């Protein structure tokens, strides 16, 4: 069993236009050549100081071949392939995308008529205060409920008379 050095690029994002991982940090880790996918993930969670109960890590590798797309690492075979490339001296950076875990909590309710009974299961993910932005939500609700806020479609969609001719106002009046 030998150890292999791996450069991990993390804490960045994929820029859609250039397909580059930008704004990232770099960390070096050592992995054993017989490591499993689960063991590799555990090593990343510890090395990158990521809370595995709330976040998940998605791994991809790049190669020096421009025509080759990034390869996702999602099982033991992928990890063995990556280790084999690293042992042969290939320069394959590991891109670690840290994403929030999706909670699949089921809320159970029943409904139906007096003729038959039916149970329905609906999978929902509860929102936390950080997802909703508590203050922003309250402020938006206040704006909507106020006379001057977004609740008034007339004020949002109307066109000042000095900027529009009569025909344009008639055409746009269907939105009021």
N, C-alpha and C. Protein backbone atom coordinates (compact mmCIF):
# COMPACT_ATOMS: atom_id res chain seq x y z
N UNK A 1 0.84 -1.18 0.00
CA UNK A 1 0.00 0.00 0.00
C UNK A 1 0.88 1.25 0.00
N UNK A 2 0.68 2.06 -0.99
CA UNK A 2 1.41 3.32 -1.04
C UNK A 2 0.42 4.48 -0.97
N UNK A 3 0.96 5.65 -0.70
CA UNK A 3 0.11 6.85 -0.64
C UNK A 3 0.31 7.68 -1.89
N UNK A 4 -0.76 8.30 -2.32
CA UNK A 4 -0.74 9.09 -3.55
C UNK A 4 -1.17 10.51 -3.21
N UNK A 5 -0.40 11.52 -3.64
CA UNK A 5 -0.82 12.90 -3.39
C UNK A 5 -1.90 13.33 -4.40
N UNK A 6 -2.90 14.04 -3.89
CA UNK A 6 -4.00 14.52 -4.74
C UNK A 6 -4.24 16.00 -4.44
N UNK A 7 -4.29 16.80 -5.49
CA UNK A 7 -4.68 18.20 -5.34
C UNK A 7 -6.19 18.29 -5.46
N UNK A 8 -6.81 18.90 -4.46
CA UNK A 8 -8.27 19.04 -4.44
C UNK A 8 -8.61 20.52 -4.58
N UNK A 9 -9.36 20.84 -5.62
CA UNK A 9 -9.87 22.20 -5.80
C UNK A 9 -11.30 22.21 -5.28
N UNK A 10 -11.59 23.11 -4.35
CA UNK A 10 -12.90 23.12 -3.71
C UNK A 10 -13.34 24.56 -3.42
N UNK A 11 -14.54 24.70 -2.92
CA UNK A 11 -15.09 25.99 -2.53
C UNK A 11 -15.16 26.97 -3.70
N UNK A 12 -15.45 26.44 -4.87
CA UNK A 12 -15.59 27.27 -6.07
C UNK A 12 -16.90 26.97 -6.76
N UNK A 13 -17.06 27.45 -7.96
CA UNK A 13 -18.27 27.21 -8.73
C UNK A 13 -17.91 27.05 -10.20
N UNK A 14 -18.78 26.40 -10.93
CA UNK A 14 -18.57 26.17 -12.36
C UNK A 14 -19.12 27.34 -13.14
N UNK A 15 -18.25 28.02 -13.86
CA UNK A 15 -18.69 29.12 -14.72
C UNK A 15 -19.23 28.51 -16.01
N UNK A 16 -20.46 28.81 -16.32
CA UNK A 16 -21.14 28.16 -17.44
C UNK A 16 -20.54 28.52 -18.80
N UNK A 17 -20.10 29.75 -18.98
CA UNK A 17 -19.61 30.15 -20.31
C UNK A 17 -18.26 29.55 -20.64
N UNK A 18 -17.37 29.51 -19.65
CA UNK A 18 -16.01 29.00 -19.91
C UNK A 18 -15.82 27.56 -19.46
N UNK A 19 -16.80 27.02 -18.73
CA UNK A 19 -16.71 25.66 -18.18
C UNK A 19 -15.47 25.49 -17.29
N UNK A 20 -15.16 26.55 -16.53
CA UNK A 20 -14.02 26.49 -15.61
C UNK A 20 -14.51 26.57 -14.17
N UNK A 21 -13.74 25.97 -13.29
CA UNK A 21 -14.03 25.98 -11.86
C UNK A 21 -13.32 27.21 -11.29
N UNK A 22 -14.07 28.25 -10.98
CA UNK A 22 -13.46 29.52 -10.57
C UNK A 22 -13.70 29.80 -9.09
N UNK A 23 -12.87 30.67 -8.55
CA UNK A 23 -13.00 31.08 -7.16
C UNK A 23 -12.69 29.99 -6.17
N UNK A 24 -11.89 29.04 -6.56
CA UNK A 24 -11.66 27.88 -5.70
C UNK A 24 -10.42 28.03 -4.83
N UNK A 25 -10.37 27.16 -3.83
CA UNK A 25 -9.21 27.01 -2.97
C UNK A 25 -8.58 25.66 -3.31
N UNK A 26 -7.34 25.48 -2.91
CA UNK A 26 -6.65 24.22 -3.21
C UNK A 26 -6.13 23.60 -1.92
N UNK A 27 -6.25 22.29 -1.84
CA UNK A 27 -5.75 21.57 -0.68
C UNK A 27 -5.12 20.27 -1.18
N UNK A 28 -4.03 19.89 -0.57
CA UNK A 28 -3.39 18.62 -0.90
C UNK A 28 -3.73 17.57 0.14
N UNK A 29 -4.10 16.39 -0.33
CA UNK A 29 -4.36 15.28 0.59
C UNK A 29 -3.61 14.05 0.10
N UNK A 30 -3.34 13.15 1.02
CA UNK A 30 -2.71 11.87 0.67
C UNK A 30 -3.74 10.77 0.82
N UNK A 31 -3.86 9.95 -0.21
CA UNK A 31 -4.79 8.82 -0.14
C UNK A 31 -4.02 7.52 -0.36
N UNK A 32 -4.50 6.45 0.27
CA UNK A 32 -3.91 5.14 0.03
C UNK A 32 -4.39 4.62 -1.30
N UNK A 33 -3.58 3.80 -1.94
CA UNK A 33 -3.97 3.30 -3.27
C UNK A 33 -5.07 2.24 -3.22
N UNK A 34 -5.45 1.79 -2.02
CA UNK A 34 -6.54 0.82 -1.91
C UNK A 34 -7.80 1.43 -1.29
N UNK A 35 -7.90 2.73 -1.31
CA UNK A 35 -9.03 3.41 -0.68
C UNK A 35 -10.32 3.16 -1.47
N UNK A 36 -11.43 3.12 -0.76
CA UNK A 36 -12.74 2.94 -1.39
C UNK A 36 -13.38 4.31 -1.62
N UNK A 37 -14.46 4.31 -2.35
CA UNK A 37 -15.20 5.55 -2.61
C UNK A 37 -15.65 6.18 -1.28
N UNK A 38 -16.22 5.36 -0.40
CA UNK A 38 -16.69 5.86 0.90
C UNK A 38 -15.53 6.39 1.73
N UNK A 39 -14.41 5.67 1.74
CA UNK A 39 -13.23 6.13 2.46
C UNK A 39 -12.69 7.43 1.91
N UNK A 40 -12.71 7.57 0.59
CA UNK A 40 -12.25 8.79 -0.07
C UNK A 40 -13.13 9.98 0.34
N UNK A 41 -14.45 9.75 0.32
CA UNK A 41 -15.37 10.81 0.73
C UNK A 41 -15.14 11.22 2.18
N UNK A 42 -14.96 10.24 3.07
CA UNK A 42 -14.71 10.54 4.48
C UNK A 42 -13.45 11.37 4.64
N UNK A 43 -12.41 11.01 3.89
CA UNK A 43 -11.15 11.76 3.94
C UNK A 43 -11.37 13.21 3.48
N UNK A 44 -12.18 13.40 2.44
CA UNK A 44 -12.47 14.75 1.96
C UNK A 44 -13.29 15.55 2.98
N UNK A 45 -14.29 14.92 3.58
CA UNK A 45 -15.09 15.61 4.59
C UNK A 45 -14.21 16.12 5.72
N UNK A 46 -13.28 15.30 6.17
CA UNK A 46 -12.38 15.69 7.25
C UNK A 46 -11.38 16.73 6.77
N UNK A 47 -10.73 16.47 5.64
CA UNK A 47 -9.70 17.37 5.13
C UNK A 47 -10.22 18.75 4.76
N UNK A 48 -11.44 18.82 4.23
CA UNK A 48 -12.01 20.10 3.82
C UNK A 48 -12.87 20.73 4.91
N UNK A 49 -12.97 20.03 6.05
CA UNK A 49 -13.75 20.49 7.19
C UNK A 49 -15.20 20.78 6.79
N UNK A 50 -15.82 19.78 6.19
CA UNK A 50 -17.20 19.89 5.72
C UNK A 50 -18.09 19.03 6.62
N UNK A 51 -19.23 19.57 7.04
CA UNK A 51 -20.18 18.86 7.88
C UNK A 51 -20.96 17.86 7.02
N UNK A 52 -20.67 16.59 7.20
CA UNK A 52 -21.28 15.55 6.36
C UNK A 52 -22.76 15.32 6.66
N UNK A 53 -23.26 15.86 7.76
CA UNK A 53 -24.68 15.70 8.06
C UNK A 53 -25.54 16.71 7.28
N UNK A 54 -24.95 17.83 6.88
CA UNK A 54 -25.71 18.88 6.19
C UNK A 54 -25.30 19.06 4.73
N UNK A 55 -24.06 18.69 4.42
CA UNK A 55 -23.54 18.94 3.08
C UNK A 55 -23.06 17.64 2.43
N UNK A 56 -22.97 17.67 1.13
CA UNK A 56 -22.49 16.53 0.36
C UNK A 56 -21.36 17.01 -0.55
N UNK A 57 -20.51 16.11 -0.96
CA UNK A 57 -19.40 16.45 -1.86
C UNK A 57 -19.57 15.67 -3.15
N UNK A 58 -19.55 16.38 -4.25
CA UNK A 58 -19.59 15.76 -5.58
C UNK A 58 -18.20 15.90 -6.18
N UNK A 59 -17.64 14.79 -6.63
CA UNK A 59 -16.27 14.80 -7.15
C UNK A 59 -16.25 14.61 -8.65
N UNK A 60 -15.36 15.36 -9.29
CA UNK A 60 -15.11 15.22 -10.73
C UNK A 60 -13.61 15.35 -10.94
N UNK A 61 -13.14 14.72 -12.00
CA UNK A 61 -11.74 14.88 -12.36
C UNK A 61 -11.65 15.42 -13.78
N UNK A 62 -10.60 16.16 -14.00
CA UNK A 62 -10.31 16.66 -15.34
C UNK A 62 -9.04 15.99 -15.84
N UNK A 63 -8.86 16.00 -17.14
CA UNK A 63 -7.65 15.42 -17.72
C UNK A 63 -6.97 16.48 -18.58
N UNK A 64 -5.82 16.14 -19.07
CA UNK A 64 -5.09 17.07 -19.94
C UNK A 64 -5.62 17.03 -21.37
N UNK A 65 -6.59 16.16 -21.63
CA UNK A 65 -7.17 16.06 -22.97
C UNK A 65 -8.36 17.01 -23.07
N UNK A 66 -8.26 18.06 -23.89
CA UNK A 66 -9.34 19.05 -23.95
C UNK A 66 -10.67 18.50 -24.47
N UNK A 67 -10.62 17.49 -25.31
CA UNK A 67 -11.87 16.95 -25.86
C UNK A 67 -12.60 16.03 -24.88
N UNK A 68 -11.94 15.69 -23.78
CA UNK A 68 -12.53 14.79 -22.79
C UNK A 68 -13.27 15.61 -21.73
N UNK A 69 -14.58 15.36 -21.55
CA UNK A 69 -15.32 16.10 -20.52
C UNK A 69 -14.90 15.65 -19.13
N UNK A 70 -15.30 16.41 -18.13
CA UNK A 70 -15.02 16.03 -16.76
C UNK A 70 -15.71 14.71 -16.44
N UNK A 71 -15.06 13.92 -15.62
CA UNK A 71 -15.60 12.62 -15.25
C UNK A 71 -16.02 12.65 -13.79
N UNK A 72 -17.25 12.26 -13.53
CA UNK A 72 -17.75 12.19 -12.16
C UNK A 72 -17.21 10.94 -11.48
N UNK A 73 -16.82 11.08 -10.23
CA UNK A 73 -16.39 9.93 -9.43
C UNK A 73 -17.54 9.59 -8.51
N UNK A 74 -18.15 8.42 -8.73
CA UNK A 74 -19.35 8.09 -7.95
C UNK A 74 -19.37 6.68 -7.38
N UNK A 75 -18.28 5.91 -7.58
CA UNK A 75 -18.25 4.55 -7.03
C UNK A 75 -16.79 4.08 -6.91
N UNK A 76 -16.62 2.87 -6.41
CA UNK A 76 -15.27 2.33 -6.19
C UNK A 76 -14.48 2.20 -7.49
N UNK A 77 -15.13 1.79 -8.57
CA UNK A 77 -14.42 1.66 -9.85
C UNK A 77 -13.87 3.00 -10.33
N UNK A 78 -14.67 4.05 -10.18
CA UNK A 78 -14.20 5.39 -10.58
C UNK A 78 -12.98 5.81 -9.77
N UNK A 79 -12.99 5.50 -8.48
CA UNK A 79 -11.86 5.85 -7.61
C UNK A 79 -10.62 5.06 -8.03
N UNK A 80 -10.78 3.76 -8.32
CA UNK A 80 -9.63 2.95 -8.76
C UNK A 80 -9.06 3.49 -10.07
N UNK A 81 -9.93 3.91 -10.98
CA UNK A 81 -9.49 4.49 -12.26
C UNK A 81 -8.68 5.77 -12.00
N UNK A 82 -9.19 6.62 -11.12
CA UNK A 82 -8.51 7.86 -10.77
C UNK A 82 -7.14 7.57 -10.15
N UNK A 83 -7.08 6.61 -9.25
CA UNK A 83 -5.81 6.25 -8.60
C UNK A 83 -4.82 5.71 -9.64
N UNK A 84 -5.30 4.90 -10.56
CA UNK A 84 -4.44 4.37 -11.62
C UNK A 84 -3.84 5.51 -12.46
N UNK A 85 -4.66 6.49 -12.81
CA UNK A 85 -4.16 7.66 -13.55
C UNK A 85 -3.09 8.40 -12.75
N UNK A 86 -3.35 8.59 -11.47
CA UNK A 86 -2.40 9.32 -10.62
C UNK A 86 -1.08 8.55 -10.48
N UNK A 87 -1.16 7.23 -10.37
CA UNK A 87 0.06 6.42 -10.26
C UNK A 87 0.92 6.52 -11.52
N UNK A 88 0.27 6.68 -12.68
CA UNK A 88 1.01 6.78 -13.94
C UNK A 88 1.55 8.18 -14.19
N UNK A 89 1.31 9.08 -13.23
CA UNK A 89 1.85 10.44 -13.35
C UNK A 89 0.96 11.42 -14.08
N UNK A 90 -0.27 11.05 -14.35
CA UNK A 90 -1.19 11.97 -15.02
C UNK A 90 -1.56 13.12 -14.09
N UNK A 91 -1.68 14.27 -14.66
CA UNK A 91 -2.10 15.43 -13.89
C UNK A 91 -3.62 15.56 -14.00
N UNK A 92 -4.32 15.04 -13.00
CA UNK A 92 -5.78 15.05 -13.00
C UNK A 92 -6.26 15.75 -11.73
N UNK A 93 -6.57 17.03 -11.82
CA UNK A 93 -7.07 17.69 -10.60
C UNK A 93 -8.43 17.13 -10.21
N UNK A 94 -8.67 17.09 -8.93
CA UNK A 94 -9.95 16.65 -8.40
C UNK A 94 -10.75 17.89 -8.03
N UNK A 95 -11.93 18.04 -8.62
CA UNK A 95 -12.81 19.17 -8.33
C UNK A 95 -13.88 18.68 -7.36
N UNK A 96 -13.95 19.32 -6.20
CA UNK A 96 -14.93 18.93 -5.19
C UNK A 96 -15.97 20.04 -5.07
N UNK A 97 -17.17 19.73 -5.51
CA UNK A 97 -18.29 20.67 -5.37
C UNK A 97 -19.02 20.33 -4.08
N UNK A 98 -19.16 21.31 -3.22
CA UNK A 98 -19.84 21.10 -1.94
C UNK A 98 -21.27 21.59 -2.10
N UNK A 99 -22.21 20.69 -1.91
CA UNK A 99 -23.62 21.01 -2.11
C UNK A 99 -24.43 20.64 -0.87
N UNK A 100 -25.53 21.33 -0.69
CA UNK A 100 -26.42 21.05 0.43
C UNK A 100 -27.16 19.74 0.18
N UNK A 101 -27.25 18.91 1.22
CA UNK A 101 -27.98 17.65 1.11
C UNK A 101 -29.47 17.93 1.01
N UNK A 102 -30.15 17.11 0.23
CA UNK A 102 -31.60 17.21 0.13
C UNK A 102 -32.20 16.28 1.15
N UNK A 103 -33.06 16.83 1.97
CA UNK A 103 -33.73 16.01 2.97
C UNK A 103 -35.04 15.52 2.39
N UNK A 104 -35.24 14.23 2.40
CA UNK A 104 -36.48 13.66 1.90
C UNK A 104 -37.37 13.29 3.08
N UNK A 105 -37.99 14.30 3.65
CA UNK A 105 -38.90 14.05 4.76
C UNK A 105 -40.29 13.90 4.18
N UNK A 106 -41.00 12.91 4.66
CA UNK A 106 -42.37 12.70 4.17
C UNK A 106 -43.36 13.22 5.19
N UNK A 107 -44.31 13.96 4.71
CA UNK A 107 -45.42 14.41 5.53
C UNK A 107 -46.64 13.63 5.07
N UNK A 108 -47.31 13.03 6.01
CA UNK A 108 -48.40 12.12 5.67
C UNK A 108 -49.73 12.81 5.98
N UNK A 109 -50.65 12.76 5.03
CA UNK A 109 -51.99 13.24 5.28
C UNK A 109 -52.95 12.37 4.50
N UNK A 110 -54.21 12.37 4.92
CA UNK A 110 -55.19 11.58 4.19
C UNK A 110 -56.33 12.47 3.72
N UNK A 111 -56.98 12.00 2.69
CA UNK A 111 -58.10 12.74 2.14
C UNK A 111 -58.94 11.79 1.31
N UNK A 112 -60.10 12.23 0.89
CA UNK A 112 -60.95 11.39 0.07
C UNK A 112 -62.41 11.72 0.31
N UNK A 113 -63.26 10.82 -0.08
CA UNK A 113 -64.69 11.02 0.11
C UNK A 113 -65.21 9.97 1.06
N UNK A 114 -66.52 10.00 1.28
CA UNK A 114 -67.09 8.99 2.17
C UNK A 114 -67.25 7.63 1.49
N UNK A 115 -66.92 7.54 0.21
CA UNK A 115 -67.03 6.27 -0.51
C UNK A 115 -65.78 5.41 -0.41
N UNK A 116 -64.65 6.05 -0.28
CA UNK A 116 -63.42 5.27 -0.16
C UNK A 116 -62.39 6.07 0.62
N UNK A 117 -61.41 5.38 1.15
CA UNK A 117 -60.35 6.03 1.91
C UNK A 117 -59.07 6.00 1.09
N UNK A 118 -58.35 7.06 1.14
CA UNK A 118 -57.12 7.14 0.34
C UNK A 118 -56.05 7.83 1.18
N UNK A 119 -54.85 7.28 1.18
CA UNK A 119 -53.74 7.89 1.87
C UNK A 119 -52.76 8.40 0.84
N UNK A 120 -52.24 9.59 1.07
CA UNK A 120 -51.28 10.18 0.14
C UNK A 120 -50.01 10.51 0.89
N UNK A 121 -48.89 10.29 0.23
CA UNK A 121 -47.60 10.66 0.79
C UNK A 121 -47.02 11.74 -0.10
N UNK A 122 -46.62 12.82 0.53
CA UNK A 122 -46.03 13.92 -0.22
C UNK A 122 -44.65 14.16 0.35
N UNK A 123 -43.61 14.06 -0.49
CA UNK A 123 -42.25 14.36 -0.05
C UNK A 123 -42.02 15.85 -0.10
N UNK A 124 -41.63 16.43 1.01
CA UNK A 124 -41.39 17.87 1.06
C UNK A 124 -40.08 18.12 1.79
N UNK A 125 -39.40 19.15 1.39
CA UNK A 125 -38.19 19.58 2.07
C UNK A 125 -38.50 20.87 2.81
N UNK A 126 -38.46 20.85 4.15
CA UNK A 126 -38.77 22.07 4.89
C UNK A 126 -37.69 23.13 4.65
N UNK A 127 -38.10 24.38 4.61
CA UNK A 127 -37.16 25.48 4.42
C UNK A 127 -36.70 25.98 5.77
N UNK A 128 -35.43 26.32 5.86
CA UNK A 128 -34.91 26.92 7.07
C UNK A 128 -34.96 28.43 6.91
N UNK A 129 -34.70 29.14 8.00
CA UNK A 129 -34.68 30.61 7.94
C UNK A 129 -33.66 31.12 6.94
N UNK A 130 -32.53 30.43 6.82
CA UNK A 130 -31.50 30.88 5.87
C UNK A 130 -31.94 30.69 4.43
N UNK A 131 -32.79 29.68 4.16
CA UNK A 131 -33.31 29.47 2.80
C UNK A 131 -34.26 30.58 2.40
N UNK A 132 -35.09 30.99 3.35
CA UNK A 132 -36.14 31.94 3.05
C UNK A 132 -35.66 33.36 3.18
N UNK A 133 -34.73 33.62 4.10
CA UNK A 133 -34.31 34.99 4.36
C UNK A 133 -35.41 35.70 5.13
N UNK A 134 -35.59 35.35 6.40
CA UNK A 134 -36.69 35.81 7.20
C UNK A 134 -37.03 37.27 7.09
N UNK A 135 -36.04 38.15 7.21
CA UNK A 135 -36.31 39.58 7.13
C UNK A 135 -36.79 39.97 5.75
N UNK A 136 -36.17 39.41 4.72
CA UNK A 136 -36.57 39.73 3.35
C UNK A 136 -38.01 39.31 3.10
N UNK A 137 -38.41 38.16 3.63
CA UNK A 137 -39.76 37.68 3.43
C UNK A 137 -40.76 38.61 4.10
N UNK A 138 -40.45 39.02 5.36
CA UNK A 138 -41.35 39.94 6.05
C UNK A 138 -41.45 41.27 5.32
N UNK A 139 -40.31 41.78 4.85
CA UNK A 139 -40.30 43.05 4.14
C UNK A 139 -41.10 42.93 2.84
N UNK A 140 -40.94 41.84 2.11
CA UNK A 140 -41.68 41.64 0.87
C UNK A 140 -43.17 41.56 1.15
N UNK A 141 -43.54 40.86 2.22
CA UNK A 141 -44.96 40.74 2.56
C UNK A 141 -45.53 42.10 2.92
N UNK A 142 -44.76 42.91 3.68
CA UNK A 142 -45.22 44.25 4.02
C UNK A 142 -45.39 45.10 2.77
N UNK A 143 -44.43 45.01 1.85
CA UNK A 143 -44.53 45.77 0.61
C UNK A 143 -45.75 45.34 -0.18
N UNK A 144 -46.02 44.06 -0.22
CA UNK A 144 -47.16 43.56 -0.99
C UNK A 144 -48.47 44.05 -0.39
N UNK A 145 -48.53 44.06 0.94
CA UNK A 145 -49.77 44.44 1.61
C UNK A 145 -49.98 45.95 1.64
N UNK A 146 -48.92 46.73 1.46
CA UNK A 146 -49.06 48.19 1.51
C UNK A 146 -49.65 48.71 0.21
N UNK A 147 -50.22 49.91 0.28
CA UNK A 147 -50.81 50.53 -0.91
C UNK A 147 -49.75 50.88 -1.94
N UNK A 148 -48.52 51.13 -1.49
CA UNK A 148 -47.47 51.56 -2.41
C UNK A 148 -46.56 50.42 -2.84
N UNK A 149 -46.80 49.23 -2.36
CA UNK A 149 -45.89 48.12 -2.65
C UNK A 149 -46.24 47.37 -3.91
N UNK A 150 -45.73 46.15 -4.00
CA UNK A 150 -45.88 45.34 -5.20
C UNK A 150 -47.28 44.77 -5.36
N UNK A 151 -48.12 44.88 -4.34
CA UNK A 151 -49.46 44.35 -4.44
C UNK A 151 -50.33 45.11 -5.42
N UNK A 152 -49.94 46.28 -5.77
CA UNK A 152 -50.73 47.09 -6.69
C UNK A 152 -50.21 46.91 -8.10
N UNK A 153 -50.89 46.08 -8.90
CA UNK A 153 -50.46 45.85 -10.27
C UNK A 153 -50.55 47.12 -11.09
N UNK A 154 -51.51 47.98 -10.77
CA UNK A 154 -51.69 49.23 -11.49
C UNK A 154 -50.40 50.06 -11.43
N UNK A 155 -49.79 50.12 -10.26
CA UNK A 155 -48.60 50.95 -10.11
C UNK A 155 -47.37 50.30 -10.73
N UNK A 156 -47.28 48.99 -10.71
CA UNK A 156 -46.12 48.30 -11.26
C UNK A 156 -46.12 48.32 -12.78
N UNK A 157 -47.29 48.12 -13.40
CA UNK A 157 -47.34 47.94 -14.84
C UNK A 157 -47.81 49.17 -15.61
N UNK A 158 -48.18 50.26 -14.93
CA UNK A 158 -48.68 51.41 -15.67
C UNK A 158 -47.54 52.16 -16.35
N UNK A 159 -47.86 52.86 -17.43
CA UNK A 159 -46.88 53.62 -18.20
C UNK A 159 -47.20 55.09 -18.01
N UNK A 160 -46.23 55.92 -17.63
CA UNK A 160 -46.50 57.35 -17.50
C UNK A 160 -47.01 57.91 -18.82
N UNK A 161 -48.04 58.76 -18.75
CA UNK A 161 -48.69 59.25 -19.96
C UNK A 161 -47.75 60.07 -20.83
N UNK A 162 -46.77 60.75 -20.25
CA UNK A 162 -45.86 61.55 -21.06
C UNK A 162 -44.88 60.68 -21.85
N UNK A 163 -44.74 59.40 -21.50
CA UNK A 163 -43.81 58.51 -22.21
C UNK A 163 -44.49 57.64 -23.25
N UNK A 164 -45.80 57.53 -23.20
CA UNK A 164 -46.49 56.61 -24.10
C UNK A 164 -47.58 57.32 -24.87
N UNK A 165 -47.76 56.93 -26.11
CA UNK A 165 -48.87 57.46 -26.89
C UNK A 165 -50.14 56.72 -26.49
N UNK A 166 -51.27 57.22 -26.93
CA UNK A 166 -52.54 56.60 -26.58
C UNK A 166 -52.63 55.16 -27.00
N UNK A 167 -52.08 54.81 -28.19
CA UNK A 167 -52.14 53.43 -28.68
C UNK A 167 -51.36 52.48 -27.79
N UNK A 168 -50.18 52.93 -27.34
CA UNK A 168 -49.35 52.08 -26.48
C UNK A 168 -50.03 51.83 -25.14
N UNK A 169 -50.68 52.85 -24.63
CA UNK A 169 -51.36 52.68 -23.35
C UNK A 169 -52.50 51.69 -23.50
N UNK A 170 -53.25 51.76 -24.62
CA UNK A 170 -54.34 50.81 -24.85
C UNK A 170 -53.81 49.39 -24.98
N UNK A 171 -52.68 49.24 -25.71
CA UNK A 171 -52.09 47.92 -25.91
C UNK A 171 -51.63 47.32 -24.59
N UNK A 172 -51.05 48.13 -23.71
CA UNK A 172 -50.52 47.64 -22.45
C UNK A 172 -51.56 47.58 -21.34
N UNK A 173 -52.75 48.10 -21.59
CA UNK A 173 -53.75 48.13 -20.53
C UNK A 173 -54.27 46.73 -20.18
N UNK A 174 -54.09 45.76 -21.05
CA UNK A 174 -54.55 44.40 -20.75
C UNK A 174 -53.81 43.80 -19.57
N UNK A 175 -52.64 44.34 -19.19
CA UNK A 175 -51.88 43.82 -18.06
C UNK A 175 -52.38 44.38 -16.74
N UNK A 176 -53.29 45.34 -16.77
CA UNK A 176 -53.75 45.99 -15.53
C UNK A 176 -54.84 45.20 -14.88
